[in-house]
């Protein structure tokens, strides 16, 4: 059995790298895999914290449930740049 020389191995390694990297990029941030857009949830509460950073903005709210217990909800938003284009700011 003859071993491939180093120059012939490089294109194969590069091709495998891009095949693996491309697979993970295609599955990134699938909204429909995590949420049902036909079942929105309305929450009302007090914003306790905002994390305005890439890749996503997060804000946290204290929300009372039907029993009066306070739960802290984390809400994942879009990127800071995308939110600023729609008029949202960190303030």
PDB file of N, CA and C in Angstrom:
ATOM      1  N   UNK A   1       0.850  -1.170   0.000  1.00  0.00           N
ATOM      2  CA  UNK A   1       0.000   0.000   0.000  1.00  0.00           C
ATOM      3  C   UNK A   1       0.899   1.237   0.000  1.00  0.00           C
ATOM      4  N   UNK A   2       0.606   2.154  -0.863  1.00  0.00           N
ATOM      5  CA  UNK A   2       1.424   3.348  -0.998  1.00  0.00           C
ATOM      6  C   UNK A   2       0.785   4.499  -0.234  1.00  0.00           C
ATOM      7  N   UNK A   3       1.550   5.224   0.552  1.00  0.00           N
ATOM      8  CA  UNK A   3       1.061   6.375   1.321  1.00  0.00           C
ATOM      9  C   UNK A   3       1.040   7.602   0.427  1.00  0.00           C
ATOM     10  N   UNK A   4       0.041   8.455   0.636  1.00  0.00           N
ATOM     11  CA  UNK A   4      -0.022   9.708  -0.109  1.00  0.00           C
ATOM     12  C   UNK A   4       1.071  10.638   0.364  1.00  0.00           C
ATOM     13  N   UNK A   5       1.645  11.359  -0.553  1.00  0.00           N
ATOM     14  CA  UNK A   5       2.645  12.339  -0.145  1.00  0.00           C
ATOM     15  C   UNK A   5       1.955  13.542   0.480  1.00  0.00           C
ATOM     16  N   UNK A   6       2.680  14.325   1.226  1.00  0.00           N
ATOM     17  CA  UNK A   6       2.125  15.459   1.949  1.00  0.00           C
ATOM     18  C   UNK A   6       1.382  16.444   1.053  1.00  0.00           C
ATOM     19  N   UNK A   7       1.917  16.872  -0.112  1.00  0.00           N
ATOM     20  CA  UNK A   7       1.176  17.821  -0.946  1.00  0.00           C
ATOM     21  C   UNK A   7      -0.185  17.307  -1.389  1.00  0.00           C
ATOM     22  N   UNK A   8      -0.338  15.997  -1.571  1.00  0.00           N
ATOM     23  CA  UNK A   8      -1.627  15.445  -1.981  1.00  0.00           C
ATOM     24  C   UNK A   8      -2.604  15.351  -0.808  1.00  0.00           C
ATOM     25  N   UNK A   9      -2.115  15.298   0.414  1.00  0.00           N
ATOM     26  CA  UNK A   9      -2.969  15.198   1.587  1.00  0.00           C
ATOM     27  C   UNK A   9      -3.635  16.528   1.922  1.00  0.00           C
ATOM     28  N   UNK A  10      -2.975  17.633   1.642  1.00  0.00           N
ATOM     29  CA  UNK A  10      -3.489  18.946   2.040  1.00  0.00           C
ATOM     30  C   UNK A  10      -4.873  19.231   1.449  1.00  0.00           C
ATOM     31  N   UNK A  11      -5.110  19.036   0.143  1.00  0.00           N
ATOM     32  CA  UNK A  11      -6.461  19.301  -0.378  1.00  0.00           C
ATOM     33  C   UNK A  11      -7.531  18.423   0.262  1.00  0.00           C
ATOM     34  N   UNK A  12      -7.180  17.200   0.591  1.00  0.00           N
ATOM     35  CA  UNK A  12      -8.141  16.298   1.232  1.00  0.00           C
ATOM     36  C   UNK A  12      -8.484  16.802   2.634  1.00  0.00           C
ATOM     37  N   UNK A  13      -7.485  17.200   3.388  1.00  0.00           N
ATOM     38  CA  UNK A  13      -7.709  17.719   4.736  1.00  0.00           C
ATOM     39  C   UNK A  13      -8.545  18.990   4.681  1.00  0.00           C
ATOM     40  N   UNK A  14      -8.242  19.877   3.753  1.00  0.00           N
ATOM     41  CA  UNK A  14      -9.002  21.128   3.613  1.00  0.00           C
ATOM     42  C   UNK A  14     -10.451  20.836   3.227  1.00  0.00           C
ATOM     43  N   UNK A  15     -10.656  19.912   2.313  1.00  0.00           N
ATOM     44  CA  UNK A  15     -12.016  19.555   1.895  1.00  0.00           C
ATOM     45  C   UNK A  15     -12.820  18.979   3.055  1.00  0.00           C
ATOM     46  N   UNK A  16     -12.204  18.114   3.844  1.00  0.00           N
ATOM     47  CA  UNK A  16     -12.896  17.540   5.010  1.00  0.00           C
ATOM     48  C   UNK A  16     -13.227  18.631   6.020  1.00  0.00           C
ATOM     49  N   UNK A  17     -12.290  19.552   6.259  1.00  0.00           N
ATOM     50  CA  UNK A  17     -12.533  20.649   7.198  1.00  0.00           C
ATOM     51  C   UNK A  17     -13.748  21.469   6.777  1.00  0.00           C
ATOM     52  N   UNK A  18     -13.807  21.873   5.505  1.00  0.00           N
ATOM     53  CA  UNK A  18     -14.919  22.702   5.054  1.00  0.00           C
ATOM     54  C   UNK A  18     -16.235  21.927   5.035  1.00  0.00           C
ATOM     55  N   UNK A  19     -16.182  20.649   4.775  1.00  0.00           N
ATOM     56  CA  UNK A  19     -17.408  19.834   4.818  1.00  0.00           C
ATOM     57  C   UNK A  19     -17.968  19.782   6.234  1.00  0.00           C
ATOM     58  N   UNK A  20     -17.093  19.614   7.215  1.00  0.00           N
ATOM     59  CA  UNK A  20     -17.535  19.568   8.615  1.00  0.00           C
ATOM     60  C   UNK A  20     -17.986  20.945   9.078  1.00  0.00           C
ATOM     61  N   UNK A  21     -17.227  21.983   8.764  1.00  0.00           N
ATOM     62  CA  UNK A  21     -17.578  23.342   9.185  1.00  0.00           C
ATOM     63  C   UNK A  21     -18.883  23.784   8.547  1.00  0.00           C
ATOM     64  N   UNK A  22     -19.095  23.466   7.286  1.00  0.00           N
ATOM     65  CA  UNK A  22     -20.325  23.844   6.594  1.00  0.00           C
ATOM     66  C   UNK A  22     -21.548  23.179   7.177  1.00  0.00           C
ATOM     67  N   UNK A  23     -21.406  21.964   7.658  1.00  0.00           N
ATOM     68  CA  UNK A  23     -22.530  21.249   8.266  1.00  0.00           C
ATOM     69  C   UNK A  23     -23.011  21.954   9.525  1.00  0.00           C
ATOM     70  N   UNK A  24     -22.096  22.413  10.358  1.00  0.00           N
ATOM     71  CA  UNK A  24     -22.512  23.075  11.590  1.00  0.00           C
ATOM     72  C   UNK A  24     -23.092  24.458  11.321  1.00  0.00           C
ATOM     73  N   UNK A  25     -22.645  25.130  10.272  1.00  0.00           N
ATOM     74  CA  UNK A  25     -23.175  26.452   9.945  1.00  0.00           C
ATOM     75  C   UNK A  25     -24.616  26.347   9.471  1.00  0.00           C
ATOM     76  N   UNK A  26     -24.944  25.329   8.714  1.00  0.00           N
ATOM     77  CA  UNK A  26     -26.296  25.196   8.178  1.00  0.00           C
ATOM     78  C   UNK A  26     -27.329  24.989   9.285  1.00  0.00           C
ATOM     79  N   UNK A  27     -26.969  24.387  10.397  1.00  0.00           N
ATOM     80  CA  UNK A  27     -27.914  24.103  11.461  1.00  0.00           C
ATOM     81  C   UNK A  27     -27.947  25.146  12.552  1.00  0.00           C
ATOM     82  N   UNK A  28     -27.303  26.269  12.370  1.00  0.00           N
ATOM     83  CA  UNK A  28     -27.151  27.273  13.425  1.00  0.00           C
ATOM     84  C   UNK A  28     -28.414  28.118  13.597  1.00  0.00           C
ATOM     85  N   UNK A  29     -28.890  28.251  14.814  1.00  0.00           N
ATOM     86  CA  UNK A  29     -29.995  29.129  15.190  1.00  0.00           C
ATOM     87  C   UNK A  29     -31.310  28.839  14.465  1.00  0.00           C
ATOM     88  N   UNK A  30     -31.759  27.631  14.513  1.00  0.00           N
ATOM     89  CA  UNK A  30     -33.031  27.298  13.896  1.00  0.00           C
ATOM     90  C   UNK A  30     -34.171  27.656  14.847  1.00  0.00           C
ATOM     91  N   UNK A  31     -34.891  28.744  14.550  1.00  0.00           N
ATOM     92  CA  UNK A  31     -36.006  29.188  15.383  1.00  0.00           C
ATOM     93  C   UNK A  31     -37.072  28.098  15.472  1.00  0.00           C
ATOM     94  N   UNK A  32     -37.440  27.531  14.329  1.00  0.00           N
ATOM     95  CA  UNK A  32     -38.530  26.557  14.304  1.00  0.00           C
ATOM     96  C   UNK A  32     -38.187  25.257  15.030  1.00  0.00           C
ATOM     97  N   UNK A  33     -36.897  24.970  15.215  1.00  0.00           N
ATOM     98  CA  UNK A  33     -36.522  23.767  15.949  1.00  0.00           C
ATOM     99  C   UNK A  33     -36.716  23.941  17.450  1.00  0.00           C
ATOM    100  N   UNK A  34     -36.710  25.190  17.928  1.00  0.00           N
ATOM    101  CA  UNK A  34     -36.823  25.447  19.357  1.00  0.00           C
ATOM    102  C   UNK A  34     -38.172  26.029  19.778  1.00  0.00           C
ATOM    103  N   UNK A  35     -38.842  26.735  18.859  1.00  0.00           N
ATOM    104  CA  UNK A  35     -40.055  27.453  19.219  1.00  0.00           C
ATOM    105  C   UNK A  35     -41.167  27.193  18.220  1.00  0.00           C
ATOM    106  N   UNK A  36     -42.389  27.307  18.695  1.00  0.00           N
ATOM    107  CA  UNK A  36     -43.559  27.194  17.826  1.00  0.00           C
ATOM    108  C   UNK A  36     -44.096  28.606  17.605  1.00  0.00           C
ATOM    109  N   UNK A  37     -43.905  29.148  16.409  1.00  0.00           N
ATOM    110  CA  UNK A  37     -44.326  30.511  16.094  1.00  0.00           C
ATOM    111  C   UNK A  37     -45.840  30.679  16.176  1.00  0.00           C
ATOM    112  N   UNK A  38     -46.585  29.583  16.145  1.00  0.00           N
ATOM    113  CA  UNK A  38     -48.049  29.648  16.230  1.00  0.00           C
ATOM    114  C   UNK A  38     -48.554  29.664  17.670  1.00  0.00           C
ATOM    115  N   UNK A  39     -47.645  29.565  18.648  1.00  0.00           N
ATOM    116  CA  UNK A  39     -48.030  29.571  20.055  1.00  0.00           C
ATOM    117  C   UNK A  39     -47.232  30.627  20.816  1.00  0.00           C
ATOM    118  N   UNK A  40     -47.500  31.905  20.545  1.00  0.00           N
ATOM    119  CA  UNK A  40     -46.752  32.954  21.257  1.00  0.00           C
ATOM    120  C   UNK A  40     -47.107  32.967  22.743  1.00  0.00           C
ATOM    121  N   UNK A  41     -46.170  33.428  23.551  1.00  0.00           N
ATOM    122  CA  UNK A  41     -46.362  33.538  24.989  1.00  0.00           C
ATOM    123  C   UNK A  41     -46.248  35.003  25.363  1.00  0.00           C
ATOM    124  N   UNK A  42     -47.220  35.503  26.120  1.00  0.00           N
ATOM    125  CA  UNK A  42     -47.179  36.892  26.569  1.00  0.00           C
ATOM    126  C   UNK A  42     -46.760  36.893  28.036  1.00  0.00           C
ATOM    127  N   UNK A  43     -45.691  37.634  28.328  1.00  0.00           N
ATOM    128  CA  UNK A  43     -45.239  37.760  29.711  1.00  0.00           C
ATOM    129  C   UNK A  43     -45.176  39.234  30.072  1.00  0.00           C
ATOM    130  N   UNK A  44     -45.509  39.525  31.315  1.00  0.00           N
ATOM    131  CA  UNK A  44     -45.448  40.891  31.823  1.00  0.00           C
ATOM    132  C   UNK A  44     -44.658  40.850  33.116  1.00  0.00           C
ATOM    133  N   UNK A  45     -43.721  41.771  33.240  1.00  0.00           N
ATOM    134  CA  UNK A  45     -42.915  41.771  34.441  1.00  0.00           C
ATOM    135  C   UNK A  45     -41.959  42.939  34.468  1.00  0.00           C
ATOM    136  N   UNK A  46     -40.971  42.833  35.322  1.00  0.00           N
ATOM    137  CA  UNK A  46     -39.963  43.871  35.512  1.00  0.00           C
ATOM    138  C   UNK A  46     -38.644  43.405  34.937  1.00  0.00           C
ATOM    139  N   UNK A  47     -38.058  44.212  34.062  1.00  0.00           N
ATOM    140  CA  UNK A  47     -36.756  43.875  33.497  1.00  0.00           C
ATOM    141  C   UNK A  47     -35.706  44.013  34.599  1.00  0.00           C
ATOM    142  N   UNK A  48     -34.943  42.955  34.812  1.00  0.00           N
ATOM    143  CA  UNK A  48     -33.941  42.959  35.874  1.00  0.00           C
ATOM    144  C   UNK A  48     -32.513  43.067  35.354  1.00  0.00           C
ATOM    145  N   UNK A  49     -32.293  42.696  34.091  1.00  0.00           N
ATOM    146  CA  UNK A  49     -30.928  42.705  33.561  1.00  0.00           C
ATOM    147  C   UNK A  49     -30.974  42.675  32.036  1.00  0.00           C
ATOM    148  N   UNK A  50     -30.051  43.403  31.403  1.00  0.00           N
ATOM    149  CA  UNK A  50     -29.902  43.366  29.947  1.00  0.00           C
ATOM    150  C   UNK A  50     -28.446  43.065  29.629  1.00  0.00           C
ATOM    151  N   UNK A  51     -28.222  42.072  28.799  1.00  0.00           N
ATOM    152  CA  UNK A  51     -26.873  41.737  28.330  1.00  0.00           C
ATOM    153  C   UNK A  51     -26.810  42.089  26.851  1.00  0.00           C
ATOM    154  N   UNK A  52     -26.295  43.269  26.542  1.00  0.00           N
ATOM    155  CA  UNK A  52     -26.246  43.790  25.177  1.00  0.00           C
ATOM    156  C   UNK A  52     -24.878  43.451  24.589  1.00  0.00           C
ATOM    157  N   UNK A  53     -24.743  42.239  24.037  1.00  0.00           N
ATOM    158  CA  UNK A  53     -23.466  41.818  23.479  1.00  0.00           C
ATOM    159  C   UNK A  53     -23.697  40.804  22.378  1.00  0.00           C
ATOM    160  N   UNK A  54     -22.683  40.647  21.537  1.00  0.00           N
ATOM    161  CA  UNK A  54     -22.746  39.656  20.467  1.00  0.00           C
ATOM    162  C   UNK A  54     -22.585  38.261  21.043  1.00  0.00           C
ATOM    163  N   UNK A  55     -23.145  37.238  20.468  1.00  0.00           N
ATOM    164  CA  UNK A  55     -23.876  37.277  19.220  1.00  0.00           C
ATOM    165  C   UNK A  55     -25.366  37.591  19.391  1.00  0.00           C
ATOM    166  N   UNK A  56     -25.869  37.551  20.621  1.00  0.00           N
ATOM    167  CA  UNK A  56     -27.289  37.812  20.865  1.00  0.00           C
ATOM    168  C   UNK A  56     -27.458  38.671  22.106  1.00  0.00           C
ATOM    169  N   UNK A  57     -28.484  39.501  22.062  1.00  0.00           N
ATOM    170  CA  UNK A  57     -28.869  40.277  23.240  1.00  0.00           C
ATOM    171  C   UNK A  57     -29.792  39.394  24.085  1.00  0.00           C
ATOM    172  N   UNK A  58     -29.562  39.427  25.380  1.00  0.00           N
ATOM    173  CA  UNK A  58     -30.443  38.734  26.324  1.00  0.00           C
ATOM    174  C   UNK A  58     -30.983  39.759  27.300  1.00  0.00           C
ATOM    175  N   UNK A  59     -32.267  39.623  27.645  1.00  0.00           N
ATOM    176  CA  UNK A  59     -32.762  40.392  28.776  1.00  0.00           C
ATOM    177  C   UNK A  59     -33.528  39.460  29.693  1.00  0.00           C
ATOM    178  N   UNK A  60     -33.555  39.840  30.960  1.00  0.00           N
ATOM    179  CA  UNK A  60     -34.141  38.996  32.000  1.00  0.00           C
ATOM    180  C   UNK A  60     -35.251  39.767  32.687  1.00  0.00           C
ATOM    181  N   UNK A  61     -36.325  39.067  33.008  1.00  0.00           N
ATOM    182  CA  UNK A  61     -37.496  39.681  33.637  1.00  0.00           C
ATOM    183  C   UNK A  61     -37.958  38.860  34.823  1.00  0.00           C
ATOM    184  N   UNK A  62     -38.413  39.544  35.872  1.00  0.00           N
ATOM    185  CA  UNK A  62     -39.120  38.892  36.967  1.00  0.00           C
ATOM    186  C   UNK A  62     -40.597  38.895  36.610  1.00  0.00           C
ATOM    187  N   UNK A  63     -41.163  37.705  36.504  1.00  0.00           N
ATOM    188  CA  UNK A  63     -42.549  37.533  36.069  1.00  0.00           C
ATOM    189  C   UNK A  63     -43.298  36.742  37.134  1.00  0.00           C
ATOM    190  N   UNK A  64     -44.486  37.247  37.541  1.00  0.00           N
ATOM    191  CA  UNK A  64     -45.318  36.515  38.501  1.00  0.00           C
ATOM    192  C   UNK A  64     -46.187  35.512  37.763  1.00  0.00           C
ATOM    193  N   UNK A  65     -46.220  34.278  38.293  1.00  0.00           N
ATOM    194  CA  UNK A  65     -47.106  33.277  37.711  1.00  0.00           C
ATOM    195  C   UNK A  65     -48.488  33.374  38.345  1.00  0.00           C
ATOM    196  N   UNK A  66     -49.395  32.498  37.977  1.00  0.00           N
ATOM    197  CA  UNK A  66     -50.772  32.538  38.481  1.00  0.00           C
ATOM    198  C   UNK A  66     -50.856  32.337  39.991  1.00  0.00           C
ATOM    199  N   UNK A  67     -49.878  31.658  40.577  1.00  0.00           N
ATOM    200  CA  UNK A  67     -49.872  31.418  42.018  1.00  0.00           C
ATOM    201  C   UNK A  67     -49.204  32.558  42.791  1.00  0.00           C
ATOM    202  N   UNK A  68     -48.693  33.568  42.074  1.00  0.00           N
ATOM    203  CA  UNK A  68     -48.044  34.693  42.732  1.00  0.00           C
ATOM    204  C   UNK A  68     -46.551  34.523  42.944  1.00  0.00           C
ATOM    205  N   UNK A  69     -46.003  33.402  42.490  1.00  0.00           N
ATOM    206  CA  UNK A  69     -44.561  33.179  42.600  1.00  0.00           C
ATOM    207  C   UNK A  69     -43.827  33.971  41.520  1.00  0.00           C
ATOM    208  N   UNK A  70     -42.687  34.513  41.875  1.00  0.00           N
ATOM    209  CA  UNK A  70     -41.894  35.275  40.911  1.00  0.00           C
ATOM    210  C   UNK A  70     -40.844  34.363  40.289  1.00  0.00           C
ATOM    211  N   UNK A  71     -40.833  34.329  38.966  1.00  0.00           N
ATOM    212  CA  UNK A  71     -39.856  33.549  38.212  1.00  0.00           C
ATOM    213  C   UNK A  71     -39.053  34.492  37.338  1.00  0.00           C
ATOM    214  N   UNK A  72     -37.768  34.229  37.200  1.00  0.00           N
ATOM    215  CA  UNK A  72     -36.925  35.055  36.353  1.00  0.00           C
ATOM    216  C   UNK A  72     -36.833  34.404  34.978  1.00  0.00           C
ATOM    217  N   UNK A  73     -37.323  35.107  33.959  1.00  0.00           N
ATOM    218  CA  UNK A  73     -37.314  34.625  32.586  1.00  0.00           C
ATOM    219  C   UNK A  73     -36.133  35.237  31.849  1.00  0.00           C
ATOM    220  N   UNK A  74     -35.463  34.453  31.015  1.00  0.00           N
ATOM    221  CA  UNK A  74     -34.428  34.946  30.120  1.00  0.00           C
ATOM    222  C   UNK A  74     -34.979  34.946  28.701  1.00  0.00           C
ATOM    223  N   UNK A  75     -34.817  36.059  28.008  1.00  0.00           N
ATOM    224  CA  UNK A  75     -35.346  36.191  26.650  1.00  0.00           C
ATOM    225  C   UNK A  75     -34.178  36.449  25.704  1.00  0.00           C
ATOM    226  N   UNK A  76     -34.034  35.595  24.724  1.00  0.00           N
ATOM    227  CA  UNK A  76     -32.970  35.676  23.727  1.00  0.00           C
ATOM    228  C   UNK A  76     -33.469  36.514  22.557  1.00  0.00           C
ATOM    229  N   UNK A  77     -32.713  37.534  22.214  1.00  0.00           N
ATOM    230  CA  UNK A  77     -33.087  38.425  21.111  1.00  0.00           C
ATOM    231  C   UNK A  77     -32.107  38.237  19.958  1.00  0.00           C
ATOM    232  N   UNK A  78     -32.197  39.124  18.984  1.00  0.00           N
ATOM    233  CA  UNK A  78     -31.280  39.094  17.856  1.00  0.00           C
ATOM    234  C   UNK A  78     -29.944  39.723  18.213  1.00  0.00           C
ATOM    235  N   UNK A  79     -29.153  39.987  17.205  1.00  0.00           N
ATOM    236  CA  UNK A  79     -27.848  40.608  17.428  1.00  0.00           C
ATOM    237  C   UNK A  79     -28.023  42.083  17.771  1.00  0.00           C
ATOM    238  N   UNK A  80     -27.072  42.676  18.490  1.00  0.00           N
ATOM    239  CA  UNK A  80     -27.175  44.104  18.801  1.00  0.00           C
ATOM    240  C   UNK A  80     -27.301  44.963  17.544  1.00  0.00           C
ATOM    241  N   UNK A  81     -26.533  44.652  16.506  1.00  0.00           N
ATOM    242  CA  UNK A  81     -26.591  45.429  15.271  1.00  0.00           C
ATOM    243  C   UNK A  81     -27.967  45.331  14.612  1.00  0.00           C
ATOM    244  N   UNK A  82     -28.511  44.132  14.568  1.00  0.00           N
ATOM    245  CA  UNK A  82     -29.841  43.935  13.983  1.00  0.00           C
ATOM    246  C   UNK A  82     -30.913  44.670  14.770  1.00  0.00           C
ATOM    247  N   UNK A  83     -30.833  44.651  16.095  1.00  0.00           N
ATOM    248  CA  UNK A  83     -31.816  45.349  16.919  1.00  0.00           C
ATOM    249  C   UNK A  83     -31.698  46.865  16.758  1.00  0.00           C
ATOM    250  N   UNK A  84     -30.472  47.371  16.657  1.00  0.00           N
ATOM    251  CA  UNK A  84     -30.288  48.821  16.470  1.00  0.00           C
ATOM    252  C   UNK A  84     -30.870  49.286  15.139  1.00  0.00           C
ATOM    253  N   UNK A  85     -30.781  48.438  14.110  1.00  0.00           N
ATOM    254  CA  UNK A  85     -31.364  48.807  12.802  1.00  0.00           C
ATOM    255  C   UNK A  85     -32.882  48.920  12.872  1.00  0.00           C
ATOM    256  N   UNK A  86     -33.511  48.230  13.826  1.00  0.00           N
ATOM    257  CA  UNK A  86     -34.965  48.328  13.975  1.00  0.00           C
ATOM    258  C   UNK A  86     -35.383  49.396  14.973  1.00  0.00           C
ATOM    259  N   UNK A  87     -34.400  50.129  15.545  1.00  0.00           N
ATOM    260  CA  UNK A  87     -34.703  51.210  16.466  1.00  0.00           C
ATOM    261  C   UNK A  87     -34.534  50.878  17.933  1.00  0.00           C
ATOM    262  N   UNK A  88     -34.173  49.647  18.251  1.00  0.00           N
ATOM    263  CA  UNK A  88     -33.955  49.274  19.657  1.00  0.00           C
ATOM    264  C   UNK A  88     -32.563  49.719  20.099  1.00  0.00           C
ATOM    265  N   UNK A  89     -32.467  50.152  21.342  1.00  0.00           N
ATOM    266  CA  UNK A  89     -31.167  50.491  21.918  1.00  0.00           C
ATOM    267  C   UNK A  89     -31.026  49.765  23.257  1.00  0.00           C
ATOM    268  N   UNK A  90     -29.847  49.827  23.809  1.00  0.00           N
ATOM    269  CA  UNK A  90     -29.626  49.191  25.107  1.00  0.00           C
ATOM    270  C   UNK A  90     -30.362  49.924  26.211  1.00  0.00           C
ATOM    271  N   UNK A  91     -30.848  51.129  25.963  1.00  0.00           N
ATOM    272  CA  UNK A  91     -31.541  51.901  26.987  1.00  0.00           C
ATOM    273  C   UNK A  91     -33.033  51.693  26.904  1.00  0.00           C
TER     274      UNK A  91
END
